[in-house]
Amino acid sequence: MQNTLLLIHILAASAWLGGNVVQIIAGPVMEKAGAGPHAAWVRTTVRLGTWLYTPAALVALATGIELVRSNSSFEFSATFVSLGFVTVIVGAALGMAVFGPVGRALADSIDRGDHTAVRTLKAKLRMWGTFDTLLVLVTIYAMVAKTGA
């Protein structure tokens, strides 16, 4: 059962990280495709919050809790476990406070042709998206290395 839980946990983290990487790569490509496709892409990335990121985070959280609970060699106080909790909480907060609202505002700004707002909103999403991606990468490393175990 441990291996199955660990596999599901890794797949959930991979979905989160993979989604971020796809957005980093596809965003500029879709921007070059024109305002219509670009706005549609941004709206799709906002929807990924409910379709991909939220389920992935919840699965990672649930399987992570069960992995620690069912394994006597792991403690909830371990640094890598605490970092996992922090990453899920920060990811959820960023989704609700930044990625969703700013993404919707960006798509609307693209539709209106408001280039100043587009630049400002893209910069905000890029900054927080980079932070989120780095946090996920650091967390994955900490879990692989069992930091603080």
C-alpha atoms as a PDB file:
ATOM      1  CA  MET A   1       0.000   0.000   0.000  1.00  0.00           C
ATOM      2  CA  GLN A   2       2.891   2.371   0.763  1.00  0.00           C
ATOM      3  CA  ASN A   3       4.227   2.118  -2.781  1.00  0.00           C
ATOM      4  CA  THR A   4       0.793   2.808  -4.266  1.00  0.00           C
ATOM      5  CA  LEU A   5       0.324   5.850  -2.029  1.00  0.00           C
ATOM      6  CA  LEU A   6       3.804   7.087  -2.878  1.00  0.00           C
ATOM      7  CA  LEU A   7       3.147   6.639  -6.600  1.00  0.00           C
ATOM      8  CA  ILE A   8      -0.116   8.594  -6.387  1.00  0.00           C
ATOM      9  CA  HIS A   9       1.635  11.273  -4.300  1.00  0.00           C
ATOM     10  CA  ILE A  10       4.397  11.605  -6.909  1.00  0.00           C
ATOM     11  CA  LEU A  11       1.876  11.709  -9.763  1.00  0.00           C
ATOM     12  CA  ALA A  12      -0.048  14.515  -8.035  1.00  0.00           C
ATOM     13  CA  ALA A  13       3.134  16.557  -7.548  1.00  0.00           C
ATOM     14  CA  SER A  14       4.103  15.829 -11.160  1.00  0.00           C
ATOM     15  CA  ALA A  15       0.723  17.106 -12.396  1.00  0.00           C
ATOM     16  CA  TRP A  16       1.199  20.351 -10.461  1.00  0.00           C
ATOM     17  CA  LEU A  17       4.765  20.886 -11.666  1.00  0.00           C
ATOM     18  CA  GLY A  18       3.956  19.734 -15.190  1.00  0.00           C
ATOM     19  CA  GLY A  19       1.023  22.131 -15.414  1.00  0.00           C
ATOM     20  CA  ASN A  20       3.313  24.981 -14.404  1.00  0.00           C
ATOM     21  CA  VAL A  21       5.921  24.011 -16.994  1.00  0.00           C
ATOM     22  CA  VAL A  22       3.303  23.786 -19.750  1.00  0.00           C
ATOM     23  CA  GLN A  23       2.074  27.273 -18.876  1.00  0.00           C
ATOM     24  CA  ILE A  24       5.619  28.653 -18.943  1.00  0.00           C
ATOM     25  CA  ILE A  25       6.217  27.189 -22.402  1.00  0.00           C
ATOM     26  CA  ALA A  26       2.797  27.598 -24.014  1.00  0.00           C
ATOM     27  CA  GLY A  27       2.003  31.122 -22.760  1.00  0.00           C
ATOM     28  CA  PRO A  28       4.418  32.924 -25.083  1.00  0.00           C
ATOM     29  CA  VAL A  29       3.440  30.664 -27.996  1.00  0.00           C
ATOM     30  CA  MET A  30      -0.253  31.460 -27.506  1.00  0.00           C
ATOM     31  CA  GLU A  31       0.493  35.176 -27.176  1.00  0.00           C
ATOM     32  CA  LYS A  32       2.089  35.128 -30.630  1.00  0.00           C
ATOM     33  CA  ALA A  33      -1.044  33.435 -32.028  1.00  0.00           C
ATOM     34  CA  GLY A  34      -3.065  36.632 -31.580  1.00  0.00           C
ATOM     35  CA  ALA A  35      -5.402  38.228 -29.056  1.00  0.00           C
ATOM     36  CA  GLY A  36      -8.249  35.706 -29.417  1.00  0.00           C
ATOM     37  CA  PRO A  37      -6.188  32.552 -28.902  1.00  0.00           C
ATOM     38  CA  HIS A  38      -4.101  34.270 -26.232  1.00  0.00           C
ATOM     39  CA  ALA A  39      -7.171  35.314 -24.205  1.00  0.00           C
ATOM     40  CA  ALA A  40      -8.664  31.824 -24.614  1.00  0.00           C
ATOM     41  CA  TRP A  41      -5.399  30.267 -23.390  1.00  0.00           C
ATOM     42  CA  VAL A  42      -5.333  32.518 -20.323  1.00  0.00           C
ATOM     43  CA  ARG A  43      -8.953  31.598 -19.511  1.00  0.00           C
ATOM     44  CA  THR A  44      -8.020  27.916 -19.878  1.00  0.00           C
ATOM     45  CA  THR A  45      -5.125  28.341 -17.451  1.00  0.00           C
ATOM     46  CA  VAL A  46      -7.535  29.891 -14.951  1.00  0.00           C
ATOM     47  CA  ARG A  47      -9.840  26.873 -15.328  1.00  0.00           C
ATOM     48  CA  LEU A  48      -6.860  24.603 -14.682  1.00  0.00           C
ATOM     49  CA  GLY A  49      -7.115  25.810 -11.094  1.00  0.00           C
ATOM     50  CA  THR A  50     -10.244  23.730 -10.614  1.00  0.00           C
ATOM     51  CA  TRP A  51      -9.504  21.008 -13.161  1.00  0.00           C
ATOM     52  CA  LEU A  52      -5.871  20.271 -12.381  1.00  0.00           C
ATOM     53  CA  TYR A  53      -4.216  22.212  -9.584  1.00  0.00           C
ATOM     54  CA  THR A  54      -6.855  21.858  -6.869  1.00  0.00           C
ATOM     55  CA  PRO A  55      -7.337  18.099  -7.396  1.00  0.00           C
ATOM     56  CA  ALA A  56      -3.560  17.562  -7.630  1.00  0.00           C
ATOM     57  CA  ALA A  57      -2.940  19.521  -4.422  1.00  0.00           C
ATOM     58  CA  LEU A  58      -5.706  17.700  -2.551  1.00  0.00           C
ATOM     59  CA  VAL A  59      -4.460  14.295  -3.699  1.00  0.00           C
ATOM     60  CA  ALA A  60      -0.868  15.212  -2.763  1.00  0.00           C
ATOM     61  CA  LEU A  61      -2.078  16.413   0.642  1.00  0.00           C
ATOM     62  CA  ALA A  62      -4.237  13.350   1.354  1.00  0.00           C
ATOM     63  CA  THR A  63      -1.633  10.840   0.214  1.00  0.00           C
ATOM     64  CA  GLY A  64       1.121  12.726   2.024  1.00  0.00           C
ATOM     65  CA  ILE A  65      -0.811  12.662   5.286  1.00  0.00           C
ATOM     66  CA  GLU A  66      -1.484   8.949   4.900  1.00  0.00           C
ATOM     67  CA  LEU A  67       2.153   8.231   4.013  1.00  0.00           C
ATOM     68  CA  VAL A  68       3.340   9.929   7.202  1.00  0.00           C
ATOM     69  CA  ARG A  69       0.550   8.471   9.340  1.00  0.00           C
ATOM     70  CA  SER A  70       1.169   4.912   8.183  1.00  0.00           C
ATOM     71  CA  ASN A  71       4.980   4.995   8.253  1.00  0.00           C
ATOM     72  CA  SER A  72       6.684   4.994  11.650  1.00  0.00           C
ATOM     73  CA  SER A  73       9.923   6.367  10.176  1.00  0.00           C
ATOM     74  CA  PHE A  74       8.261   9.681   9.172  1.00  0.00           C
ATOM     75  CA  GLU A  75       7.036  12.393  11.524  1.00  0.00           C
ATOM     76  CA  PHE A  76       4.685  15.281  10.859  1.00  0.00           C
ATOM     77  CA  SER A  77       7.348  17.522  12.416  1.00  0.00           C
ATOM     78  CA  ALA A  78       9.927  16.623   9.731  1.00  0.00           C
ATOM     79  CA  THR A  79      10.991  19.588   7.633  1.00  0.00           C
ATOM     80  CA  PHE A  80      10.013  17.946   4.340  1.00  0.00           C
ATOM     81  CA  VAL A  81       6.523  17.150   5.664  1.00  0.00           C
ATOM     82  CA  SER A  82       6.010  20.687   6.989  1.00  0.00           C
ATOM     83  CA  LEU A  83       7.228  22.105   3.682  1.00  0.00           C
ATOM     84  CA  GLY A  84       4.660  19.953   1.885  1.00  0.00           C
ATOM     85  CA  PHE A  85       1.869  21.457   3.995  1.00  0.00           C
ATOM     86  CA  VAL A  86       3.204  24.967   3.391  1.00  0.00           C
ATOM     87  CA  THR A  87       3.382  24.374  -0.356  1.00  0.00           C
ATOM     88  CA  VAL A  88      -0.238  23.210  -0.548  1.00  0.00           C
ATOM     89  CA  ILE A  89      -1.424  26.160   1.577  1.00  0.00           C
ATOM     90  CA  VAL A  90       0.606  28.715  -0.389  1.00  0.00           C
ATOM     91  CA  GLY A  91      -0.491  27.166  -3.695  1.00  0.00           C
ATOM     92  CA  ALA A  92      -4.149  27.371  -2.674  1.00  0.00           C
ATOM     93  CA  ALA A  93      -3.748  30.963  -1.491  1.00  0.00           C
ATOM     94  CA  LEU A  94      -2.007  31.971  -4.719  1.00  0.00           C
ATOM     95  CA  GLY A  95      -4.706  30.266  -6.770  1.00  0.00           C
ATOM     96  CA  MET A  96      -7.502  32.113  -4.996  1.00  0.00           C
ATOM     97  CA  ALA A  97      -5.798  35.491  -4.534  1.00  0.00           C
ATOM     98  CA  VAL A  98      -3.582  35.770  -7.618  1.00  0.00           C
ATOM     99  CA  PHE A  99      -3.848  33.177 -10.374  1.00  0.00           C
ATOM    100  CA  GLY A 100      -7.646  33.159 -10.650  1.00  0.00           C
ATOM    101  CA  PRO A 101      -8.440  36.879 -10.327  1.00  0.00           C
ATOM    102  CA  VAL A 102      -5.349  38.163 -12.137  1.00  0.00           C
ATOM    103  CA  GLY A 103      -5.761  35.568 -14.894  1.00  0.00           C
ATOM    104  CA  ARG A 104      -9.366  36.622 -15.484  1.00  0.00           C
ATOM    105  CA  ALA A 105      -8.333  40.297 -15.499  1.00  0.00           C
ATOM    106  CA  LEU A 106      -5.535  39.502 -17.960  1.00  0.00           C
ATOM    107  CA  ALA A 107      -7.891  37.724 -20.367  1.00  0.00           C
ATOM    108  CA  ASP A 108     -10.313  40.666 -20.213  1.00  0.00           C
ATOM    109  CA  SER A 109      -7.450  43.134 -20.793  1.00  0.00           C
ATOM    110  CA  ILE A 110      -6.295  41.139 -23.824  1.00  0.00           C
ATOM    111  CA  ASP A 111      -9.854  41.245 -25.209  1.00  0.00           C
ATOM    112  CA  ARG A 112     -10.016  45.034 -24.670  1.00  0.00           C
ATOM    113  CA  GLY A 113      -6.595  45.597 -26.216  1.00  0.00           C
ATOM    114  CA  ASP A 114      -5.345  47.288 -23.015  1.00  0.00           C
ATOM    115  CA  HIS A 115      -1.638  46.689 -23.567  1.00  0.00           C
ATOM    116  CA  THR A 116      -0.552  48.506 -20.396  1.00  0.00           C
ATOM    117  CA  ALA A 117      -2.777  46.333 -18.210  1.00  0.00           C
ATOM    118  CA  VAL A 118      -1.664  43.212 -20.117  1.00  0.00           C
ATOM    119  CA  ARG A 119       2.014  43.973 -19.397  1.00  0.00           C
ATOM    120  CA  THR A 120       1.326  44.666 -15.708  1.00  0.00           C
ATOM    121  CA  LEU A 121      -0.851  41.601 -15.182  1.00  0.00           C
ATOM    122  CA  LYS A 122       1.515  39.297 -17.094  1.00  0.00           C
ATOM    123  CA  ALA A 123       4.399  40.502 -14.938  1.00  0.00           C
ATOM    124  CA  LYS A 124       2.420  39.758 -11.774  1.00  0.00           C
ATOM    125  CA  LEU A 125       1.477  36.279 -12.981  1.00  0.00           C
ATOM    126  CA  ARG A 126       5.049  35.598 -14.109  1.00  0.00           C
ATOM    127  CA  MET A 127       6.454  36.611 -10.711  1.00  0.00           C
ATOM    128  CA  TRP A 128       4.006  34.514  -8.670  1.00  0.00           C
ATOM    129  CA  GLY A 129       4.109  31.644 -11.154  1.00  0.00           C
ATOM    130  CA  THR A 130       7.889  31.522 -10.855  1.00  0.00           C
ATOM    131  CA  PHE A 131       7.603  31.582  -7.067  1.00  0.00           C
ATOM    132  CA  ASP A 132       5.015  28.767  -7.109  1.00  0.00           C
ATOM    133  CA  THR A 133       7.126  26.654  -9.470  1.00  0.00           C
ATOM    134  CA  LEU A 134      10.288  27.146  -7.403  1.00  0.00           C
ATOM    135  CA  LEU A 135       8.391  26.314  -4.215  1.00  0.00           C
ATOM    136  CA  VAL A 136       7.105  23.080  -5.755  1.00  0.00           C
ATOM    137  CA  LEU A 137      10.621  22.197  -6.970  1.00  0.00           C
ATOM    138  CA  VAL A 138      12.172  22.890  -3.550  1.00  0.00           C
ATOM    139  CA  THR A 139       9.443  20.823  -1.906  1.00  0.00           C
ATOM    140  CA  ILE A 140       9.993  17.914  -4.280  1.00  0.00           C
ATOM    141  CA  TYR A 141      13.726  18.050  -3.589  1.00  0.00           C
ATOM    142  CA  ALA A 142      13.138  18.191   0.174  1.00  0.00           C
ATOM    143  CA  MET A 143      10.863  15.155  -0.048  1.00  0.00           C
ATOM    144  CA  VAL A 144      13.291  13.157  -2.167  1.00  0.00           C
ATOM    145  CA  ALA A 145      16.136  14.058   0.227  1.00  0.00           C
ATOM    146  CA  LYS A 146      13.851  13.501   3.274  1.00  0.00           C
ATOM    147  CA  THR A 147      15.110  16.832   4.653  1.00  0.00           C
ATOM    148  CA  GLY A 148      14.748  17.019   8.406  1.00  0.00           C
ATOM    149  CA  ALA A 149      13.630  13.399   8.736  1.00  0.00           C
END
